[in-house]
Amino acid sequence: MTDQTPVCRRLVGRTAVITGAGSGIGLATARRLASEGANVVCADIDETAGKAAAAEVGGLFVQVDVTDEGQVEALFKTAYDTYGSVDVAFNNAGISPPDDDSILTTGLDAWKRVQEVNLTSVYLCCKYALPYMQRQGRGSIINTASFVAVMGAATSQISYTASKGGVLSMSRELGVQFAREGIRVNALCPGPVNTPLLKELFAKDPERAARRLVHVPVGRFAEPEEMAAAVAFLASDDSSFVNASEFLVDGGIAGAYVTPV
């Protein structure tokens, strides 16, 4: 890992709304975007974690259940009313519960819960961020998909995988639909990241962790700060011609057949 301190301030005066900002990729991104000058709105269902994140970055905390349409609508209205614009929406909140496994064992309740949090929430966040961006004539939406949206895995988490495929397809469609209004929509597709979610999963099953790690060409999982750097790029004008893309930040997994020993 190298020093993640940005060398420039590309987001001065812009407002960024981040869901799932209390931990993992969301928290690392809140720090990064704030360091680049953005007004950061930290949205999370966890009041303690969300407030701590907002306090750290000098931003605004909004408690939100991202599956609740009214709360999501209020989130973006609050961002606009507080800072006067909605320039960046990083729709990042998601879950990967242990009862989401093989299609043969995953129940319908688990399937629906993951779809609601991982896919429907992104639909809602895009739906309510877009009108502000349309009025401004500019905006960048970054939706968290996954490398599993473009690859299959025998260690299945069936609803998670399906939800991330949906995020990728929806991001592509929106990027095309709103491109001539100055709005870009991209899907960030991380490889495995050292987040609390992944650490908890793999602590319970080290064999499953080892089985995944062998497929990563660079030989390690990503750090949240590396994802945050990718989000900062997609949020900024440096990525002005990047749109409707599957933005893979996966250490080479999607391009690998046999990895180094």
Protein backbone atom coordinates (compact mmCIF):
# COMPACT_ATOMS: atom_id res chain seq x y z
CA MET A 1 0.00 0.00 0.00
CA THR A 2 1.12 3.49 -0.80
CA ASP A 3 0.14 6.74 0.84
CA GLN A 4 -3.45 7.46 -0.20
CA THR A 5 -3.23 11.23 0.42
CA PRO A 6 -4.55 12.90 -2.74
CA VAL A 7 -2.17 15.13 -4.68
CA CYS A 8 -4.98 17.40 -5.83
CA ARG A 9 -8.36 18.71 -4.73
CA ARG A 10 -10.75 17.86 -7.53
CA LEU A 11 -14.06 18.11 -5.68
CA VAL A 12 -13.92 21.50 -3.98
CA GLY A 13 -17.43 22.85 -3.46
CA ARG A 14 -19.18 19.73 -4.68
CA THR A 15 -21.63 17.70 -2.65
CA ALA A 16 -21.24 13.95 -2.41
CA VAL A 17 -23.84 11.63 -0.90
CA ILE A 18 -22.45 8.29 0.29
CA THR A 19 -24.62 5.42 1.48
CA GLY A 20 -23.07 2.89 3.82
CA ALA A 21 -20.66 5.62 4.90
CA GLY A 22 -20.16 4.28 8.40
CA SER A 23 -17.67 1.55 7.58
CA GLY A 24 -15.62 -0.23 4.94
CA ILE A 25 -15.51 1.24 1.45
CA GLY A 26 -18.07 3.91 2.35
CA LEU A 27 -16.02 5.25 5.25
CA ALA A 28 -12.78 5.22 3.26
CA THR A 29 -14.55 7.08 0.47
CA ALA A 30 -16.01 9.67 2.84
CA ARG A 31 -12.48 10.40 4.02
CA ARG A 32 -11.09 10.57 0.50
CA LEU A 33 -13.80 12.77 -0.99
CA ALA A 34 -13.65 15.14 1.98
CA SER A 35 -9.89 15.40 1.58
CA GLU A 36 -10.47 16.41 -2.04
CA GLY A 37 -12.74 19.24 -0.94
CA ALA A 38 -16.23 17.74 -1.19
CA ASN A 39 -19.11 18.41 1.15
CA VAL A 40 -19.83 14.86 2.28
CA VAL A 41 -23.23 13.56 3.32
CA CYS A 42 -22.70 10.35 5.29
CA ALA A 43 -25.78 8.15 5.08
CA ASP A 44 -26.03 4.98 7.13
CA ILE A 45 -28.62 2.96 8.99
CA ASP A 46 -26.16 2.70 11.93
CA GLU A 47 -26.48 6.00 13.79
CA THR A 48 -23.33 5.57 15.86
CA ALA A 49 -21.05 4.68 12.94
CA GLY A 50 -22.63 7.22 10.63
CA LYS A 51 -22.33 10.09 13.10
CA ALA A 52 -18.71 9.19 13.78
CA ALA A 53 -17.92 9.19 10.06
CA ALA A 54 -19.59 12.56 9.50
CA ALA A 55 -17.83 14.08 12.50
CA GLU A 56 -14.47 12.83 11.29
CA VAL A 57 -14.82 14.32 7.80
CA GLY A 58 -16.67 17.47 8.78
CA GLY A 59 -19.76 16.33 6.93
CA LEU A 60 -23.43 15.76 7.55
CA PHE A 61 -24.94 12.55 8.91
CA VAL A 62 -28.34 11.35 7.70
CA GLN A 63 -29.74 8.16 9.14
CA VAL A 64 -31.44 6.23 6.38
CA ASP A 65 -32.83 2.82 5.61
CA VAL A 66 -31.91 2.63 1.94
CA THR A 67 -34.81 0.27 1.21
CA ASP A 68 -37.34 2.91 2.33
CA GLU A 69 -38.35 5.16 -0.56
CA GLY A 70 -39.41 8.07 1.61
CA GLN A 71 -36.16 8.04 3.57
CA VAL A 72 -34.07 7.90 0.40
CA GLU A 73 -36.00 10.81 -1.12
CA ALA A 74 -35.46 12.78 2.10
CA LEU A 75 -31.73 11.96 2.06
CA PHE A 76 -31.12 13.70 -1.25
CA LYS A 77 -33.42 16.59 -0.37
CA THR A 78 -31.47 17.11 2.85
CA ALA A 79 -28.19 17.07 0.93
CA TYR A 80 -29.50 19.66 -1.52
CA ASP A 81 -31.12 21.85 1.16
CA THR A 82 -27.89 21.83 3.20
CA TYR A 83 -25.27 22.35 0.51
CA GLY A 84 -27.18 23.59 -2.55
CA SER A 85 -26.32 20.78 -4.96
CA VAL A 86 -26.09 17.02 -5.43
CA ASP A 87 -23.00 16.47 -7.54
CA VAL A 88 -21.94 12.94 -6.62
CA ALA A 89 -23.99 9.95 -5.48
CA PHE A 90 -21.98 6.95 -4.33
CA ASN A 91 -24.67 4.32 -3.87
CA ASN A 92 -22.66 1.85 -1.89
CA ALA A 93 -24.76 0.33 0.91
CA GLY A 94 -25.03 -3.44 0.73
CA ILE A 95 -25.17 -6.69 2.66
CA SER A 96 -23.81 -10.21 2.27
CA PRO A 97 -25.45 -12.34 4.96
CA PRO A 98 -24.40 -15.92 5.70
CA ASP A 99 -27.84 -17.31 4.79
CA ASP A 100 -27.26 -16.19 1.19
CA ASP A 101 -25.41 -19.22 -0.17
CA SER A 102 -26.04 -21.83 -2.83
CA ILE A 103 -29.32 -21.55 -4.70
CA LEU A 104 -30.13 -24.99 -3.29
CA THR A 105 -30.03 -23.77 0.32
CA THR A 106 -30.87 -20.04 0.14
CA GLY A 107 -34.42 -19.34 1.20
CA LEU A 108 -36.75 -16.86 -0.43
CA ASP A 109 -36.65 -14.51 2.56
CA ALA A 110 -32.84 -14.28 2.34
CA TRP A 111 -33.05 -13.79 -1.42
CA LYS A 112 -35.55 -10.94 -1.11
CA ARG A 113 -33.68 -9.20 1.73
CA VAL A 114 -30.42 -9.07 -0.23
CA GLN A 115 -32.19 -7.87 -3.38
CA GLU A 116 -33.89 -5.07 -1.45
CA VAL A 117 -30.70 -3.79 0.18
CA ASN A 118 -28.27 -4.34 -2.70
CA LEU A 119 -30.38 -3.62 -5.78
CA THR A 120 -33.64 -1.87 -4.95
CA SER A 121 -31.77 0.66 -2.80
CA VAL A 122 -29.53 1.57 -5.74
CA TYR A 123 -32.62 2.03 -7.90
CA LEU A 124 -34.10 4.35 -5.28
CA CYS A 125 -30.90 6.34 -4.80
CA CYS A 126 -30.52 6.86 -8.54
CA LYS A 127 -34.19 7.78 -8.87
CA TYR A 128 -33.92 10.56 -6.31
CA ALA A 129 -30.41 11.81 -7.12
CA LEU A 130 -31.05 12.21 -10.83
CA PRO A 131 -33.56 15.10 -10.76
CA TYR A 132 -31.08 17.33 -8.90
CA MET A 133 -28.37 16.45 -11.40
CA GLN A 134 -30.73 17.11 -14.32
CA ARG A 135 -31.45 20.61 -13.05
CA GLN A 136 -27.73 21.27 -12.61
CA GLY A 137 -26.83 19.80 -15.99
CA ARG A 138 -24.10 17.69 -14.40
CA GLY A 139 -23.46 14.88 -11.96
CA SER A 140 -21.66 11.62 -11.34
CA ILE A 141 -23.37 8.52 -9.98
CA ILE A 142 -21.20 5.61 -8.87
CA ASN A 143 -23.01 2.40 -7.96
CA THR A 144 -21.22 -0.38 -6.11
CA ALA A 145 -21.52 -3.60 -8.10
CA SER A 146 -18.85 -6.32 -7.84
CA PHE A 147 -16.46 -8.42 -9.88
CA VAL A 148 -18.99 -11.25 -9.37
CA ALA A 149 -21.28 -9.31 -11.72
CA VAL A 150 -18.97 -10.32 -14.56
CA MET A 151 -17.68 -13.70 -13.32
CA GLY A 152 -19.13 -16.88 -11.88
CA ALA A 153 -18.07 -18.52 -8.62
CA ALA A 154 -18.56 -22.03 -7.31
CA THR A 155 -18.53 -20.53 -3.80
CA SER A 156 -21.89 -19.00 -4.52
CA GLN A 157 -23.80 -16.25 -2.74
CA ILE A 158 -26.62 -16.42 -5.21
CA SER A 159 -28.71 -13.39 -4.29
CA TYR A 160 -25.64 -11.18 -3.79
CA THR A 161 -24.31 -12.16 -7.21
CA ALA A 162 -27.66 -11.59 -8.90
CA SER A 163 -28.11 -8.24 -7.17
CA LYS A 164 -24.71 -7.01 -8.31
CA GLY A 165 -25.44 -8.11 -11.87
CA GLY A 166 -28.58 -6.01 -11.66
CA VAL A 167 -26.62 -3.01 -10.38
CA LEU A 168 -24.20 -3.33 -13.29
CA SER A 169 -26.96 -3.54 -15.92
CA MET A 170 -28.94 -0.68 -14.39
CA SER A 171 -25.86 1.53 -14.19
CA ARG A 172 -25.10 0.92 -17.86
CA GLU A 173 -28.66 1.76 -18.86
CA LEU A 174 -28.79 4.96 -16.82
CA GLY A 175 -25.39 6.05 -18.09
CA VAL A 176 -26.66 5.79 -21.64
CA GLN A 177 -30.04 7.37 -20.92
CA PHE A 178 -28.75 10.50 -19.19
CA ALA A 179 -25.40 11.00 -20.92
CA ARG A 180 -26.47 14.02 -22.96
CA GLU A 181 -27.73 15.76 -19.83
CA GLY A 182 -24.20 15.90 -18.44
CA ILE A 183 -24.73 12.99 -16.05
CA ARG A 184 -22.40 10.01 -15.90
CA VAL A 185 -23.34 6.70 -14.27
CA ASN A 186 -20.74 4.01 -13.66
CA ALA A 187 -20.62 0.72 -11.78
CA LEU A 188 -17.66 0.22 -9.49
CA CYS A 189 -16.79 -3.48 -9.54
CA PRO A 190 -14.45 -4.22 -6.61
CA GLY A 191 -12.63 -7.46 -6.09
CA PRO A 192 -12.55 -8.84 -2.53
CA VAL A 193 -11.83 -5.97 -0.11
CA ASN A 194 -10.57 -6.04 3.48
CA THR A 195 -13.80 -4.67 4.95
CA PRO A 196 -15.49 -5.68 8.20
CA LEU A 197 -18.05 -7.60 6.12
CA LEU A 198 -15.39 -9.72 4.40
CA LYS A 199 -13.30 -10.16 7.52
CA GLU A 200 -16.29 -11.44 9.47
CA LEU A 201 -17.22 -13.87 6.71
CA PHE A 202 -13.71 -15.22 6.30
CA ALA A 203 -12.96 -15.39 10.03
CA LYS A 204 -15.76 -17.91 10.24
CA ASP A 205 -14.41 -19.89 7.29
CA PRO A 206 -10.64 -19.52 6.66
CA GLU A 207 -10.79 -22.25 4.03
CA ARG A 208 -13.26 -20.20 2.02
CA ALA A 209 -10.93 -17.17 2.28
CA ALA A 210 -7.94 -19.16 1.07
CA ARG A 211 -9.93 -20.57 -1.81
CA ARG A 212 -10.77 -17.05 -2.97
CA LEU A 213 -7.35 -15.51 -2.41
CA VAL A 214 -5.57 -17.95 -4.73
CA HIS A 215 -7.45 -16.44 -7.68
CA VAL A 216 -6.20 -12.88 -7.09
CA PRO A 217 -3.17 -12.27 -9.36
CA VAL A 218 -1.69 -9.60 -7.09
CA GLY A 219 -1.80 -12.05 -4.19
CA ARG A 220 -3.84 -10.05 -1.68
CA PHE A 221 -7.24 -8.56 -1.11
CA ALA A 222 -7.82 -4.87 -1.75
CA GLU A 223 -7.85 -2.18 0.90
CA PRO A 224 -10.89 0.11 1.22
CA GLU A 225 -8.68 3.12 0.43
CA GLU A 226 -7.96 1.66 -3.01
CA MET A 227 -11.67 1.57 -3.78
CA ALA A 228 -12.04 5.09 -2.42
CA ALA A 229 -9.36 6.29 -4.85
CA ALA A 230 -11.32 4.77 -7.72
CA VAL A 231 -14.53 6.46 -6.55
CA ALA A 232 -12.74 9.80 -6.29
CA PHE A 233 -11.59 9.42 -9.88
CA LEU A 234 -15.10 8.55 -11.10
CA ALA A 235 -16.56 11.43 -9.10
CA SER A 236 -14.15 13.96 -10.59
CA ASP A 237 -13.80 15.62 -13.98
CA ASP A 238 -10.71 13.48 -14.59
CA SER A 239 -13.17 10.76 -15.62
CA SER A 240 -15.30 13.03 -17.80
CA PHE A 241 -15.37 10.51 -20.68
CA VAL A 242 -15.93 7.45 -18.47
CA ASN A 243 -19.61 6.56 -18.57
CA ALA A 244 -21.85 3.48 -18.49
CA SER A 245 -18.79 1.41 -17.62
CA GLU A 246 -18.07 -1.65 -15.53
CA PHE A 247 -15.15 -0.13 -13.65
CA LEU A 248 -13.21 -3.16 -12.47
CA VAL A 249 -10.87 -2.63 -9.53
CA ASP A 250 -10.15 -6.26 -8.83
CA GLY A 251 -6.40 -6.87 -8.79
CA GLY A 252 -6.68 -8.67 -12.12
CA ILE A 253 -9.17 -11.38 -11.10
CA ALA A 254 -11.47 -10.90 -14.08
CA GLY A 255 -8.54 -11.14 -16.48
CA ALA A 256 -6.93 -14.22 -14.93
CA TYR A 257 -6.87 -17.87 -15.91
CA VAL A 258 -3.80 -19.19 -14.08
CA THR A 259 -2.35 -16.97 -11.37
CA PRO A 260 1.31 -16.68 -10.28
CA VAL A 261 2.64 -19.10 -7.68
